[in-house]
PDB file of N, CA and C in Angstrom:
ATOM      1  N   MET A   1      85.204 107.341  69.385  1.00  0.00           N
ATOM      2  CA  MET A   1      84.276 106.834  70.382  1.00  0.00           C
ATOM      3  C   MET A   1      83.898 107.971  71.330  1.00  0.00           C
ATOM      4  N   GLU A   2      82.726 107.889  71.879  1.00  0.00           N
ATOM      5  CA  GLU A   2      82.261 108.880  72.851  1.00  0.00           C
ATOM      6  C   GLU A   2      82.459 108.351  74.265  1.00  0.00           C
ATOM      7  N   LEU A   3      82.900 109.249  75.143  1.00  0.00           N
ATOM      8  CA  LEU A   3      83.096 108.903  76.543  1.00  0.00           C
ATOM      9  C   LEU A   3      82.183 109.789  77.377  1.00  0.00           C
ATOM     10  N   LYS A   4      81.350 109.174  78.213  1.00  0.00           N
ATOM     11  CA  LYS A   4      80.428 109.929  79.059  1.00  0.00           C
ATOM     12  C   LYS A   4      81.070 110.176  80.416  1.00  0.00           C
ATOM     13  N   VAL A   5      81.137 111.449  80.797  1.00  0.00           N
ATOM     14  CA  VAL A   5      81.764 111.833  82.056  1.00  0.00           C
ATOM     15  C   VAL A   5      80.820 112.781  82.792  1.00  0.00           C
ATOM     16  N   TRP A   6      80.627 112.541  84.084  1.00  0.00           N
ATOM     17  CA  TRP A   6      79.783 113.399  84.900  1.00  0.00           C
ATOM     18  C   TRP A   6      80.601 114.576  85.428  1.00  0.00           C
ATOM     19  N   VAL A   7      80.122 115.780  85.184  1.00  0.00           N
ATOM     20  CA  VAL A   7      80.789 116.997  85.634  1.00  0.00           C
ATOM     21  C   VAL A   7      79.767 117.838  86.390  1.00  0.00           C
ATOM     22  N   ASP A   8      79.975 118.036  87.682  1.00  0.00           N
ATOM     23  CA  ASP A   8      79.045 118.821  88.511  1.00  0.00           C
ATOM     24  C   ASP A   8      77.609 118.347  88.366  1.00  0.00           C
ATOM     25  N   GLY A   9      77.410 117.028  88.343  1.00  0.00           N
ATOM     26  CA  GLY A   9      76.068 116.458  88.270  1.00  0.00           C
ATOM     27  C   GLY A   9      75.447 116.434  86.887  1.00  0.00           C
ATOM     28  N   VAL A  10      76.189 116.875  85.877  1.00  0.00           N
ATOM     29  CA  VAL A  10      75.689 116.888  84.499  1.00  0.00           C
ATOM     30  C   VAL A  10      76.553 115.956  83.661  1.00  0.00           C
ATOM     31  N   GLN A  11      75.895 115.121  82.877  1.00  0.00           N
ATOM     32  CA  GLN A  11      76.646 114.201  82.038  1.00  0.00           C
ATOM     33  C   GLN A  11      77.133 114.928  80.786  1.00  0.00           C
ATOM     34  N   ARG A  12      78.431 114.863  80.539  1.00  0.00           N
ATOM     35  CA  ARG A  12      79.028 115.472  79.353  1.00  0.00           C
ATOM     36  C   ARG A  12      79.639 114.360  78.511  1.00  0.00           C
ATOM     37  N   ILE A  13      79.717 114.623  77.213  1.00  0.00           N
ATOM     38  CA  ILE A  13      80.257 113.631  76.296  1.00  0.00           C
ATOM     39  C   ILE A  13      81.521 114.176  75.665  1.00  0.00           C
ATOM     40  N   VAL A  14      82.586 113.386  75.748  1.00  0.00           N
ATOM     41  CA  VAL A  14      83.851 113.735  75.114  1.00  0.00           C
ATOM     42  C   VAL A  14      83.956 112.863  73.860  1.00  0.00           C
ATOM     43  N   CYS A  15      84.035 113.505  72.708  1.00  0.00           N
ATOM     44  CA  CYS A  15      84.095 112.773  71.438  1.00  0.00           C
ATOM     45  C   CYS A  15      85.540 112.532  71.011  1.00  0.00           C
ATOM     46  N   GLY A  16      85.722 111.540  70.164  1.00  0.00           N
ATOM     47  CA  GLY A  16      87.029 111.267  69.602  1.00  0.00           C
ATOM     48  C   GLY A  16      87.987 110.542  70.525  1.00  0.00           C
ATOM     49  N   VAL A  17      87.471 109.908  71.563  1.00  0.00           N
ATOM     50  CA  VAL A  17      88.316 109.192  72.518  1.00  0.00           C
ATOM     51  C   VAL A  17      88.638 107.813  71.941  1.00  0.00           C
ATOM     52  N   THR A  18      89.920 107.435  71.996  1.00  0.00           N
ATOM     53  CA  THR A  18      90.347 106.123  71.512  1.00  0.00           C
ATOM     54  C   THR A  18      91.001 105.358  72.658  1.00  0.00           C
ATOM     55  N   GLU A  19      91.479 104.159  72.358  1.00  0.00           N
ATOM     56  CA  GLU A  19      92.136 103.342  73.384  1.00  0.00           C
ATOM     57  C   GLU A  19      93.486 103.911  73.815  1.00  0.00           C
ATOM     58  N   VAL A  20      94.029 104.841  73.042  1.00  0.00           N
ATOM     59  CA  VAL A  20      95.321 105.440  73.415  1.00  0.00           C
ATOM     60  C   VAL A  20      95.149 106.824  74.052  1.00  0.00           C
ATOM     61  N   THR A  21      93.920 107.318  74.117  1.00  0.00           N
ATOM     62  CA  THR A  21      93.652 108.602  74.776  1.00  0.00           C
ATOM     63  C   THR A  21      93.844 108.440  76.276  1.00  0.00           C
ATOM     64  N   THR A  22      94.588 109.359  76.888  1.00  0.00           N
ATOM     65  CA  THR A  22      94.865 109.265  78.318  1.00  0.00           C
ATOM     66  C   THR A  22      93.826 110.031  79.129  1.00  0.00           C
ATOM     67  N   CYS A  23      93.766 109.715  80.415  1.00  0.00           N
ATOM     68  CA  CYS A  23      92.878 110.439  81.328  1.00  0.00           C
ATOM     69  C   CYS A  23      93.239 111.919  81.355  1.00  0.00           C
ATOM     70  N   GLN A  24      94.537 112.205  81.300  1.00  0.00           N
ATOM     71  CA  GLN A  24      94.982 113.598  81.314  1.00  0.00           C
ATOM     72  C   GLN A  24      94.408 114.364  80.119  1.00  0.00           C
ATOM     73  N   GLU A  25      94.378 113.756  78.956  1.00  0.00           N
ATOM     74  CA  GLU A  25      93.825 114.402  77.763  1.00  0.00           C
ATOM     75  C   GLU A  25      92.329 114.636  77.916  1.00  0.00           C
ATOM     76  N   VAL A  26      91.624 113.684  78.503  1.00  0.00           N
ATOM     77  CA  VAL A  26      90.187 113.831  78.744  1.00  0.00           C
ATOM     78  C   VAL A  26      89.922 114.952  79.743  1.00  0.00           C
ATOM     79  N   VAL A  27      90.702 114.991  80.821  1.00  0.00           N
ATOM     80  CA  VAL A  27      90.547 116.028  81.844  1.00  0.00           C
ATOM     81  C   VAL A  27      90.783 117.412  81.242  1.00  0.00           C
ATOM     82  N   ILE A  28      91.825 117.555  80.434  1.00  0.00           N
ATOM     83  CA  ILE A  28      92.119 118.848  79.805  1.00  0.00           C
ATOM     84  C   ILE A  28      90.973 119.274  78.897  1.00  0.00           C
ATOM     85  N   ALA A  29      90.454 118.349  78.104  1.00  0.00           N
ATOM     86  CA  ALA A  29      89.341 118.666  77.203  1.00  0.00           C
ATOM     87  C   ALA A  29      88.108 119.124  77.985  1.00  0.00           C
ATOM     88  N   LEU A  30      87.803 118.443  79.089  1.00  0.00           N
ATOM     89  CA  LEU A  30      86.640 118.810  79.897  1.00  0.00           C
ATOM     90  C   LEU A  30      86.849 120.147  80.601  1.00  0.00           C
ATOM     91  N   ALA A  31      88.035 120.373  81.141  1.00  0.00           N
ATOM     92  CA  ALA A  31      88.317 121.630  81.831  1.00  0.00           C
ATOM     93  C   ALA A  31      88.204 122.807  80.864  1.00  0.00           C
ATOM     94  N   GLN A  32      88.689 122.641  79.646  1.00  0.00           N
ATOM     95  CA  GLN A  32      88.567 123.693  78.644  1.00  0.00           C
ATOM     96  C   GLN A  32      87.109 123.909  78.264  1.00  0.00           C
ATOM     97  N   ALA A  33      86.353 122.826  78.158  1.00  0.00           N
ATOM     98  CA  ALA A  33      84.941 122.923  77.768  1.00  0.00           C
ATOM     99  C   ALA A  33      84.108 123.667  78.806  1.00  0.00           C
ATOM    100  N   ILE A  34      84.426 123.469  80.095  1.00  0.00           N
ATOM    101  CA  ILE A  34      83.656 124.144  81.140  1.00  0.00           C
ATOM    102  C   ILE A  34      84.266 125.483  81.518  1.00  0.00           C
ATOM    103  N   GLY A  35      85.427 125.790  80.931  1.00  0.00           N
ATOM    104  CA  GLY A  35      86.051 127.091  81.151  1.00  0.00           C
ATOM    105  C   GLY A  35      86.621 127.299  82.536  1.00  0.00           C
ATOM    106  N   ARG A  36      87.105 126.239  83.148  1.00  0.00           N
ATOM    107  CA  ARG A  36      87.680 126.347  84.488  1.00  0.00           C
ATOM    108  C   ARG A  36      89.097 125.786  84.508  1.00  0.00           C
ATOM    109  N   THR A  37      89.905 126.380  85.357  1.00  0.00           N
ATOM    110  CA  THR A  37      91.256 125.866  85.543  1.00  0.00           C
ATOM    111  C   THR A  37      91.339 125.224  86.918  1.00  0.00           C
ATOM    112  N   GLY A  38      92.419 124.539  87.159  1.00  0.00           N
ATOM    113  CA  GLY A  38      92.600 123.895  88.456  1.00  0.00           C
ATOM    114  C   GLY A  38      93.078 122.478  88.270  1.00  0.00           C
ATOM    115  N   ARG A  39      93.141 121.790  89.375  1.00  0.00           N
ATOM    116  CA  ARG A  39      93.592 120.391  89.353  1.00  0.00           C
ATOM    117  C   ARG A  39      92.367 119.485  89.374  1.00  0.00           C
ATOM    118  N   TYR A  40      92.281 118.615  88.394  1.00  0.00           N
ATOM    119  CA  TYR A  40      91.153 117.704  88.283  1.00  0.00           C
ATOM    120  C   TYR A  40      91.654 116.275  88.156  1.00  0.00           C
ATOM    121  N   THR A  41      90.775 115.347  88.483  1.00  0.00           N
ATOM    122  CA  THR A  41      91.071 113.929  88.312  1.00  0.00           C
ATOM    123  C   THR A  41      89.808 113.224  87.839  1.00  0.00           C
ATOM    124  N   LEU A  42      89.990 112.112  87.173  1.00  0.00           N
ATOM    125  CA  LEU A  42      88.859 111.278  86.781  1.00  0.00           C
ATOM    126  C   LEU A  42      88.681 110.185  87.819  1.00  0.00           C
ATOM    127  N   ILE A  43      87.447 109.991  88.210  1.00  0.00           N
ATOM    128  CA  ILE A  43      87.087 108.953  89.180  1.00  0.00           C
ATOM    129  C   ILE A  43      86.253 107.908  88.447  1.00  0.00           C
ATOM    130  N   GLU A  44      86.576 106.658  88.681  1.00  0.00           N
ATOM    131  CA  GLU A  44      85.797 105.543  88.153  1.00  0.00           C
ATOM    132  C   GLU A  44      84.923 105.048  89.297  1.00  0.00           C
ATOM    133  N   LYS A  45      83.602 105.151  89.134  1.00  0.00           N
ATOM    134  CA  LYS A  45      82.695 104.780  90.224  1.00  0.00           C
ATOM    135  C   LYS A  45      81.783 103.638  89.794  1.00  0.00           C
ATOM    136  N   TRP A  46      81.742 102.620  90.624  1.00  0.00           N
ATOM    137  CA  TRP A  46      80.832 101.497  90.435  1.00  0.00           C
ATOM    138  C   TRP A  46      80.204 101.187  91.781  1.00  0.00           C
ATOM    139  N   ARG A  47      78.900 101.327  91.844  1.00  0.00           N
ATOM    140  CA  ARG A  47      78.151 101.174  93.091  1.00  0.00           C
ATOM    141  C   ARG A  47      78.743 102.087  94.156  1.00  0.00           C
ATOM    142  N   ASP A  48      79.257 101.549  95.255  1.00  0.00           N
ATOM    143  CA  ASP A  48      79.825 102.393  96.313  1.00  0.00           C
ATOM    144  C   ASP A  48      81.349 102.434  96.271  1.00  0.00           C
ATOM    145  N   THR A  49      81.927 101.949  95.197  1.00  0.00           N
ATOM    146  CA  THR A  49      83.380 101.887  95.079  1.00  0.00           C
ATOM    147  C   THR A  49      83.879 102.964  94.118  1.00  0.00           C
ATOM    148  N   GLU A  50      84.888 103.702  94.562  1.00  0.00           N
ATOM    149  CA  GLU A  50      85.494 104.722  93.711  1.00  0.00           C
ATOM    150  C   GLU A  50      86.983 104.458  93.583  1.00  0.00           C
ATOM    151  N   ARG A  51      87.513 104.754  92.391  1.00  0.00           N
ATOM    152  CA  ARG A  51      88.941 104.591  92.148  1.00  0.00           C
ATOM    153  C   ARG A  51      89.420 105.775  91.312  1.00  0.00           C
ATOM    154  N   HIS A  52      90.502 106.407  91.756  1.00  0.00           N
ATOM    155  CA  HIS A  52      91.112 107.497  90.997  1.00  0.00           C
ATOM    156  C   HIS A  52      91.878 106.903  89.826  1.00  0.00           C
ATOM    157  N   LEU A  53      91.658 107.456  88.644  1.00  0.00           N
ATOM    158  CA  LEU A  53      92.410 107.012  87.480  1.00  0.00           C
ATOM    159  C   LEU A  53      93.667 107.869  87.360  1.00  0.00           C
ATOM    160  N   ALA A  54      94.785 107.237  87.114  1.00  0.00           N
ATOM    161  CA  ALA A  54      96.045 107.953  86.967  1.00  0.00           C
ATOM    162  C   ALA A  54      96.050 108.729  85.646  1.00  0.00           C
ATOM    163  N   PRO A  55      96.783 109.841  85.585  1.00  0.00           N
ATOM    164  CA  PRO A  55      96.812 110.651  84.357  1.00  0.00           C
ATOM    165  C   PRO A  55      97.238 109.879  83.110  1.00  0.00           C
ATOM    166  N   HIS A  56      98.092 108.877  83.267  1.00  0.00           N
ATOM    167  CA  HIS A  56      98.585 108.126  82.111  1.00  0.00           C
ATOM    168  C   HIS A  56      97.682 106.948  81.723  1.00  0.00           C
ATOM    169  N   GLU A  57      96.661 106.655  82.535  1.00  0.00           N
ATOM    170  CA  GLU A  57      95.751 105.544  82.225  1.00  0.00           C
ATOM    171  C   GLU A  57      94.853 105.889  81.054  1.00  0.00           C
ATOM    172  N   ASN A  58      94.361 104.859  80.403  1.00  0.00           N
ATOM    173  CA  ASN A  58      93.452 105.024  79.280  1.00  0.00           C
ATOM    174  C   ASN A  58      92.036 104.673  79.738  1.00  0.00           C
ATOM    175  N   PRO A  59      91.127 105.660  79.772  1.00  0.00           N
ATOM    176  CA  PRO A  59      89.781 105.387  80.302  1.00  0.00           C
ATOM    177  C   PRO A  59      89.011 104.327  79.524  1.00  0.00           C
ATOM    178  N   ILE A  60      89.199 104.249  78.215  1.00  0.00           N
ATOM    179  CA  ILE A  60      88.489 103.233  77.421  1.00  0.00           C
ATOM    180  C   ILE A  60      88.976 101.837  77.804  1.00  0.00           C
ATOM    181  N   VAL A  61      90.288 101.673  77.953  1.00  0.00           N
ATOM    182  CA  VAL A  61      90.850 100.381  78.351  1.00  0.00           C
ATOM    183  C   VAL A  61      90.339 100.001  79.739  1.00  0.00           C
ATOM    184  N   SER A  62      90.298 100.976  80.627  1.00  0.00           N
ATOM    185  CA  SER A  62      89.814 100.737  81.982  1.00  0.00           C
ATOM    186  C   SER A  62      88.354 100.284  81.970  1.00  0.00           C
ATOM    187  N   LEU A  63      87.524 100.954  81.180  1.00  0.00           N
ATOM    188  CA  LEU A  63      86.103 100.574  81.099  1.00  0.00           C
ATOM    189  C   LEU A  63      85.933  99.192  80.482  1.00  0.00           C
ATOM    190  N   ASN A  64      86.746  98.884  79.482  1.00  0.00           N
ATOM    191  CA  ASN A  64      86.646  97.572  78.833  1.00  0.00           C
ATOM    192  C   ASN A  64      86.938  96.432  79.801  1.00  0.00           C
ATOM    193  N   LYS A  65      87.753  96.678  80.814  1.00  0.00           N
ATOM    194  CA  LYS A  65      88.076  95.645  81.809  1.00  0.00           C
ATOM    195  C   LYS A  65      86.866  95.264  82.650  1.00  0.00           C
ATOM    196  N   TRP A  66      85.867  96.132  82.705  1.00  0.00           N
ATOM    197  CA  TRP A  66      84.666  95.854  83.486  1.00  0.00           C
ATOM    198  C   TRP A  66      83.745  94.861  82.784  1.00  0.00           C
ATOM    199  N   GLY A  67      83.981  94.617  81.506  1.00  0.00           N
ATOM    200  CA  GLY A  67      83.177  93.641  80.767  1.00  0.00           C
ATOM    201  C   GLY A  67      81.706  94.016  80.746  1.00  0.00           C
ATOM    202  N   GLN A  68      80.864  93.096  81.183  1.00  0.00           N
ATOM    203  CA  GLN A  68      79.419  93.317  81.141  1.00  0.00           C
ATOM    204  C   GLN A  68      78.950  94.419  82.075  1.00  0.00           C
ATOM    205  N   TYR A  69      79.785  94.802  83.042  1.00  0.00           N
ATOM    206  CA  TYR A  69      79.402  95.852  83.987  1.00  0.00           C
ATOM    207  C   TYR A  69      79.829  97.254  83.528  1.00  0.00           C
ATOM    208  N   ALA A  70      80.480  97.354  82.390  1.00  0.00           N
ATOM    209  CA  ALA A  70      81.011  98.639  81.917  1.00  0.00           C
ATOM    210  C   ALA A  70      79.934  99.713  81.836  1.00  0.00           C
ATOM    211  N   SER A  71      78.726  99.334  81.454  1.00  0.00           N
ATOM    212  CA  SER A  71      77.667 100.343  81.330  1.00  0.00           C
ATOM    213  C   SER A  71      77.191 100.848  82.694  1.00  0.00           C
ATOM    214  N   ASP A  72      77.522 100.124  83.766  1.00  0.00           N
ATOM    215  CA  ASP A  72      77.143 100.542  85.123  1.00  0.00           C
ATOM    216  C   ASP A  72      78.200 101.425  85.782  1.00  0.00           C
ATOM    217  N   VAL A  73      79.360 101.557  85.141  1.00  0.00           N
ATOM    218  CA  VAL A  73      80.459 102.343  85.701  1.00  0.00           C
ATOM    219  C   VAL A  73      80.315 103.798  85.259  1.00  0.00           C
ATOM    220  N   GLN A  74      80.455 104.698  86.221  1.00  0.00           N
ATOM    221  CA  GLN A  74      80.407 106.129  85.921  1.00  0.00           C
ATOM    222  C   GLN A  74      81.809 106.710  86.000  1.00  0.00           C
ATOM    223  N   LEU A  75      82.118 107.596  85.067  1.00  0.00           N
ATOM    224  CA  LEU A  75      83.342 108.380  85.157  1.00  0.00           C
ATOM    225  C   LEU A  75      82.945 109.767  85.627  1.00  0.00           C
ATOM    226  N   ILE A  76      83.645 110.274  86.630  1.00  0.00           N
ATOM    227  CA  ILE A  76      83.304 111.556  87.247  1.00  0.00           C
ATOM    228  C   ILE A  76      84.542 112.440  87.241  1.00  0.00           C
ATOM    229  N   LEU A  77      84.367 113.681  86.809  1.00  0.00           N
ATOM    230  CA  LEU A  77      85.445 114.656  86.894  1.00  0.00           C
ATOM    231  C   LEU A  77      85.346 115.330  88.250  1.00  0.00           C
ATOM    232  N   ARG A  78      86.420 115.225  89.031  1.00  0.00           N
ATOM    233  CA  ARG A  78      86.404 115.790  90.386  1.00  0.00           C
ATOM    234  C   ARG A  78      87.586 116.711  90.560  1.00  0.00           C
ATOM    235  N   ARG A  79      87.350 117.813  91.237  1.00  0.00           N
ATOM    236  CA  ARG A  79      88.394 118.793  91.501  1.00  0.00           C
ATOM    237  C   ARG A  79      89.184 118.410  92.721  1.00  0.00           C
TER     238      ARG A  79
END
C-alpha cells in the first residue's frame, strides 16, 4: 500500500506500507529518502487538530480508524 506523507510542504509517497509497518519505519524511510538525519515524528492532522503518532503505532491502522474521513487526514513529517 502507498502512504502519502507531507515533507516540507511536498507530498511524498512511501510504498510497501502494511498494517504492521510502524511509524518509526516510515520516518526512517523518509529521512533516508530526503538525505537528512535528526529526530523526526509523524503528525496526524485533521482540520485544526494535530496528534503525534508514537514510534510503535501503525499509520495504516490509525488512518483506518478515521473511516470515511481518512482521505481528509494528512500525515506530516516534522522535525
